[in-house]
Amino acid sequence: MLDAKLTQLGLKLKNMVVLDLNFPRIVCPEFRKTYEPRFIALPCRQGMALEMAGGLASFGKVVVLVGYEGDELKDLDPTFNVKVLRHSPEGTWENLEERLRAFGPSLVLIPV
């Protein structure tokens, strides 16, 4: 479901980049196939993920991190539009586009 939602939003959010940190398989194969230049696979690279996300965001990209478990978002520059998607029982697909468009770094909860 996540892959389908991000692929649909990729059509609207032309500046959205997905960083997939999952291992052993990527979570967004359809997004990768459809928007290959806007997809980066960083399996198990938690340590460098925020640095890369911050760099991309500094160029005006909406950066979506999938599979990131760290809590360092509060340390990111508030002018960087970096979103961490995390599965949670409280998560919802409602207003996903608006939550990704909202400016600044944030944690976006999505359904389990």
Protein backbone atom coordinates (compact mmCIF):
# COMPACT_ATOMS: atom_id res chain seq x y z
CA MET A 1 0.00 0.00 0.00
CA LEU A 2 2.82 2.43 0.88
CA ASP A 3 4.48 1.90 -2.50
CA ALA A 4 1.21 2.61 -4.36
CA LYS A 5 0.54 5.78 -2.32
CA LEU A 6 4.04 7.16 -2.86
CA THR A 7 3.93 6.31 -6.58
CA GLN A 8 0.63 8.21 -6.95
CA LEU A 9 1.98 11.19 -5.01
CA GLY A 10 5.14 11.17 -7.11
CA LEU A 11 3.05 12.35 -10.03
CA LYS A 12 1.89 15.42 -8.08
CA LEU A 13 5.02 16.10 -6.04
CA LYS A 14 7.62 16.39 -8.78
CA ASN A 15 10.31 17.35 -6.26
CA MET A 16 9.74 14.30 -4.00
CA VAL A 17 12.66 11.91 -3.49
CA VAL A 18 12.33 8.57 -1.66
CA LEU A 19 15.22 7.14 0.36
CA ASP A 20 14.53 3.49 1.14
CA LEU A 21 16.66 2.10 3.99
CA ASN A 22 15.04 -1.32 4.20
CA PHE A 23 16.93 -4.58 3.91
CA PRO A 24 16.92 -7.19 2.41
CA ARG A 25 14.24 -5.91 0.03
CA ILE A 26 13.20 -2.42 -0.90
CA VAL A 27 9.70 -1.38 0.13
CA CYS A 28 8.96 0.83 -2.88
CA PRO A 29 9.72 -1.16 -6.06
CA GLU A 30 6.94 0.52 -8.08
CA PHE A 31 8.12 4.02 -7.12
CA ARG A 32 11.65 2.97 -8.02
CA LYS A 33 10.54 1.66 -11.42
CA THR A 34 8.37 4.69 -12.19
CA TYR A 35 10.64 7.46 -10.86
CA GLU A 36 14.10 5.91 -10.91
CA PRO A 37 16.02 9.22 -10.75
CA ARG A 38 14.03 10.16 -7.62
CA PHE A 39 14.65 6.91 -5.72
CA ILE A 40 17.70 6.06 -3.64
CA ALA A 41 18.23 2.67 -2.01
CA LEU A 42 20.36 2.93 1.13
CA PRO A 43 19.93 -0.49 2.76
CA CYS A 44 20.98 -0.42 6.42
CA ARG A 45 22.57 3.03 6.10
CA GLN A 46 20.82 4.71 9.03
CA GLY A 47 23.93 6.67 9.94
CA MET A 48 24.20 8.50 6.65
CA ALA A 49 20.48 8.76 5.83
CA LEU A 50 19.80 12.10 7.54
CA GLU A 51 22.91 13.68 6.06
CA MET A 52 21.89 12.64 2.57
CA ALA A 53 18.28 13.69 3.20
CA GLY A 54 19.40 17.08 4.48
CA GLY A 55 21.61 17.59 1.45
CA LEU A 56 18.79 16.77 -0.96
CA ALA A 57 16.34 18.94 1.00
CA SER A 58 18.75 21.87 0.77
CA PHE A 59 18.16 21.74 -3.00
CA GLY A 60 14.39 22.11 -2.52
CA LYS A 61 13.45 18.43 -2.55
CA VAL A 62 10.75 16.86 -0.40
CA VAL A 63 12.70 13.91 1.01
CA VAL A 64 10.80 10.86 2.26
CA LEU A 65 12.73 8.38 4.41
CA VAL A 66 11.29 4.88 4.52
CA GLY A 67 12.71 2.45 7.08
CA TYR A 68 14.48 5.05 9.23
CA GLU A 69 14.21 4.29 12.95
CA GLY A 70 16.31 7.10 14.44
CA ASP A 71 14.97 10.01 16.48
CA GLU A 72 17.37 12.71 15.32
CA LEU A 73 14.80 14.72 13.33
CA LYS A 74 14.83 17.40 16.00
CA ASP A 75 18.48 18.04 15.11
CA LEU A 76 17.70 18.77 11.45
CA ASP A 77 17.63 22.31 10.17
CA PRO A 78 13.94 23.37 10.33
CA THR A 79 14.17 24.66 6.76
CA PHE A 80 14.74 21.13 5.44
CA ASN A 81 11.64 19.35 4.18
CA VAL A 82 12.49 15.82 5.35
CA LYS A 83 9.74 13.36 6.27
CA VAL A 84 10.23 10.06 8.05
CA LEU A 85 7.43 7.57 7.38
CA ARG A 86 6.84 5.21 10.27
CA HIS A 87 4.25 2.46 10.63
CA SER A 88 2.03 2.88 13.66
CA PRO A 89 -1.42 1.73 14.83
CA GLU A 90 -2.31 5.45 15.05
CA GLY A 91 -1.19 6.06 11.47
CA THR A 92 -3.54 7.07 8.68
CA TRP A 93 -3.41 7.53 4.90
CA GLU A 94 -5.70 10.54 5.28
CA ASN A 95 -4.04 13.82 4.29
CA LEU A 96 -0.77 12.07 3.41
CA GLU A 97 -0.11 14.52 0.60
CA GLU A 98 -0.69 17.53 2.87
CA ARG A 99 1.54 16.06 5.57
CA LEU A 100 4.33 15.49 3.05
CA ARG A 101 3.92 18.99 1.62
CA ALA A 102 3.95 20.62 5.08
CA PHE A 103 7.23 22.45 5.38
CA GLY A 104 9.98 21.26 7.70
CA PRO A 105 11.23 17.97 9.10
CA SER A 106 8.61 15.70 10.64
CA LEU A 107 7.55 12.19 11.50
CA VAL A 108 4.55 11.00 9.47
CA LEU A 109 2.69 8.03 10.90
CA ILE A 110 1.17 5.61 8.40
CA PRO A 111 -0.97 2.51 9.03
CA VAL A 112 0.65 -0.77 10.03
